[in-house]
Amino acid sequence: MGTAASITPIGEIYFKEETYKVNDCEVGKITKHLYDELVGIQFGKIPDRFNWMYKVH
């Protein structure tokens, strides 16, 4: 199984020579929820409500 889709938390953003921490470099509730939903669909543990999965023969 493979996918081009992934959910990755952001720990820091570097912009104009400044570094900004995001959520103290911790995984947040929304990121965790989105990750759990996507992985659940990918592994068939929750329904694919969006018809993202295609069986390849």
N, C-alpha and C. Protein backbone atom coordinates (compact mmCIF):
# COMPACT_ATOMS: atom_id res chain seq x y z
N MET A 1 0.85 -1.17 0.00
CA MET A 1 0.00 0.00 0.00
C MET A 1 0.90 1.23 0.00
N GLY A 2 0.52 2.21 -0.79
CA GLY A 2 1.29 3.44 -0.82
C GLY A 2 0.36 4.63 -1.01
N THR A 3 0.84 5.76 -0.64
CA THR A 3 0.04 6.97 -0.79
C THR A 3 0.96 8.18 -0.87
N ALA A 4 0.49 9.19 -1.54
CA ALA A 4 1.23 10.45 -1.57
C ALA A 4 0.73 11.37 -0.46
N ALA A 5 -0.28 10.95 0.25
CA ALA A 5 -0.89 11.79 1.29
C ALA A 5 -0.29 11.46 2.65
N SER A 6 -0.02 12.49 3.41
CA SER A 6 0.49 12.32 4.76
C SER A 6 0.14 13.55 5.59
N ILE A 7 0.09 13.38 6.88
CA ILE A 7 -0.12 14.48 7.82
C ILE A 7 1.14 14.58 8.67
N THR A 8 1.78 15.73 8.67
CA THR A 8 3.02 15.92 9.42
C THR A 8 2.92 17.18 10.27
N PRO A 9 3.18 17.08 11.55
CA PRO A 9 3.16 18.27 12.40
C PRO A 9 4.33 19.20 12.07
N ILE A 10 4.13 20.47 12.30
CA ILE A 10 5.18 21.47 12.11
C ILE A 10 5.68 21.88 13.49
N GLY A 11 6.99 21.82 13.69
CA GLY A 11 7.57 22.19 14.98
C GLY A 11 8.07 23.62 15.01
N GLU A 12 8.66 24.05 13.88
CA GLU A 12 9.19 25.41 13.80
C GLU A 12 9.02 25.94 12.38
N ILE A 13 8.91 27.25 12.30
CA ILE A 13 8.89 27.94 11.02
C ILE A 13 10.00 28.99 11.06
N TYR A 14 10.83 28.98 10.03
CA TYR A 14 11.91 29.97 9.93
C TYR A 14 11.52 30.97 8.85
N PHE A 15 11.43 32.25 9.21
CA PHE A 15 10.98 33.29 8.28
C PHE A 15 11.72 34.59 8.58
N LYS A 16 12.36 35.14 7.56
CA LYS A 16 13.09 36.41 7.69
C LYS A 16 14.05 36.41 8.88
N GLU A 17 14.85 35.36 8.93
CA GLU A 17 15.89 35.20 9.96
C GLU A 17 15.34 35.08 11.38
N GLU A 18 14.08 34.74 11.51
CA GLU A 18 13.45 34.50 12.82
C GLU A 18 12.92 33.07 12.84
N THR A 19 13.02 32.42 13.97
CA THR A 19 12.47 31.08 14.15
C THR A 19 11.26 31.18 15.07
N TYR A 20 10.16 30.61 14.62
CA TYR A 20 8.92 30.61 15.38
C TYR A 20 8.54 29.18 15.73
N LYS A 21 8.40 28.89 17.02
CA LYS A 21 7.95 27.57 17.45
C LYS A 21 6.44 27.47 17.29
N VAL A 22 6.00 26.31 16.85
CA VAL A 22 4.57 26.04 16.69
C VAL A 22 4.17 25.03 17.75
N ASN A 23 3.22 25.39 18.59
CA ASN A 23 2.70 24.50 19.63
C ASN A 23 3.82 23.89 20.48
N ASP A 24 4.87 24.68 20.75
CA ASP A 24 6.01 24.22 21.56
C ASP A 24 6.60 22.92 21.00
N CYS A 25 6.55 22.76 19.68
CA CYS A 25 7.08 21.58 18.96
C CYS A 25 6.36 20.28 19.33
N GLU A 26 5.15 20.38 19.83
CA GLU A 26 4.35 19.20 20.18
C GLU A 26 3.27 18.97 19.12
N VAL A 27 2.86 17.71 18.95
CA VAL A 27 1.76 17.39 18.05
C VAL A 27 0.47 17.89 18.68
N GLY A 28 -0.30 18.65 17.93
CA GLY A 28 -1.54 19.22 18.44
C GLY A 28 -2.75 18.32 18.21
N LYS A 29 -3.88 18.70 18.80
CA LYS A 29 -5.12 17.91 18.69
C LYS A 29 -5.59 17.77 17.25
N ILE A 30 -5.55 18.85 16.49
CA ILE A 30 -6.05 18.81 15.11
C ILE A 30 -5.15 17.94 14.24
N THR A 31 -3.83 18.10 14.38
CA THR A 31 -2.90 17.27 13.61
C THR A 31 -3.11 15.79 13.94
N LYS A 32 -3.24 15.48 15.23
CA LYS A 32 -3.45 14.08 15.65
C LYS A 32 -4.74 13.53 15.08
N HIS A 33 -5.81 14.32 15.13
CA HIS A 33 -7.11 13.87 14.61
C HIS A 33 -7.02 13.62 13.10
N LEU A 34 -6.44 14.55 12.35
CA LEU A 34 -6.31 14.38 10.90
C LEU A 34 -5.46 13.16 10.56
N TYR A 35 -4.36 12.98 11.28
CA TYR A 35 -3.49 11.82 11.05
C TYR A 35 -4.24 10.52 11.31
N ASP A 36 -4.94 10.44 12.44
CA ASP A 36 -5.69 9.23 12.79
C ASP A 36 -6.77 8.92 11.75
N GLU A 37 -7.45 9.96 11.26
CA GLU A 37 -8.48 9.76 10.23
C GLU A 37 -7.86 9.22 8.94
N LEU A 38 -6.79 9.86 8.47
CA LEU A 38 -6.17 9.45 7.21
C LEU A 38 -5.62 8.03 7.30
N VAL A 39 -4.89 7.73 8.36
CA VAL A 39 -4.32 6.39 8.51
C VAL A 39 -5.43 5.35 8.69
N GLY A 40 -6.49 5.70 9.39
CA GLY A 40 -7.63 4.80 9.55
C GLY A 40 -8.26 4.44 8.21
N ILE A 41 -8.39 5.43 7.33
CA ILE A 41 -8.92 5.18 5.98
C ILE A 41 -7.95 4.33 5.19
N GLN A 42 -6.67 4.67 5.23
CA GLN A 42 -5.65 3.94 4.46
C GLN A 42 -5.59 2.46 4.84
N PHE A 43 -5.79 2.15 6.11
CA PHE A 43 -5.69 0.76 6.56
C PHE A 43 -7.04 0.07 6.70
N GLY A 44 -8.12 0.73 6.24
CA GLY A 44 -9.44 0.12 6.24
C GLY A 44 -10.07 0.00 7.61
N LYS A 45 -9.59 0.75 8.59
CA LYS A 45 -10.15 0.66 9.95
C LYS A 45 -11.36 1.57 10.12
N ILE A 46 -11.46 2.59 9.27
CA ILE A 46 -12.65 3.44 9.27
C ILE A 46 -13.12 3.59 7.82
N PRO A 47 -14.40 3.87 7.61
CA PRO A 47 -14.92 3.97 6.25
C PRO A 47 -14.28 5.12 5.46
N ASP A 48 -14.12 4.90 4.17
CA ASP A 48 -13.61 5.91 3.26
C ASP A 48 -14.80 6.73 2.74
N ARG A 49 -15.18 7.75 3.50
CA ARG A 49 -16.35 8.57 3.16
C ARG A 49 -16.13 9.43 1.92
N PHE A 50 -14.88 9.57 1.50
CA PHE A 50 -14.54 10.47 0.40
C PHE A 50 -14.17 9.73 -0.89
N ASN A 51 -14.26 8.40 -0.86
CA ASN A 51 -13.89 7.57 -2.03
C ASN A 51 -12.46 7.85 -2.51
N TRP A 52 -11.53 7.95 -1.56
CA TRP A 52 -10.14 8.20 -1.90
C TRP A 52 -9.40 6.93 -2.31
N MET A 53 -9.88 5.77 -1.82
CA MET A 53 -9.15 4.53 -2.04
C MET A 53 -9.56 3.87 -3.37
N TYR A 54 -8.55 3.40 -4.09
CA TYR A 54 -8.78 2.66 -5.32
C TYR A 54 -7.99 1.38 -5.28
N LYS A 55 -8.66 0.29 -5.59
CA LYS A 55 -7.98 -1.00 -5.61
C LYS A 55 -7.24 -1.14 -6.94
N VAL A 56 -5.95 -1.47 -6.85
CA VAL A 56 -5.11 -1.65 -8.03
C VAL A 56 -4.85 -3.14 -8.19
N HIS A 57 -5.10 -3.65 -9.37
CA HIS A 57 -4.92 -5.09 -9.62
C HIS A 57 -3.62 -5.34 -10.33
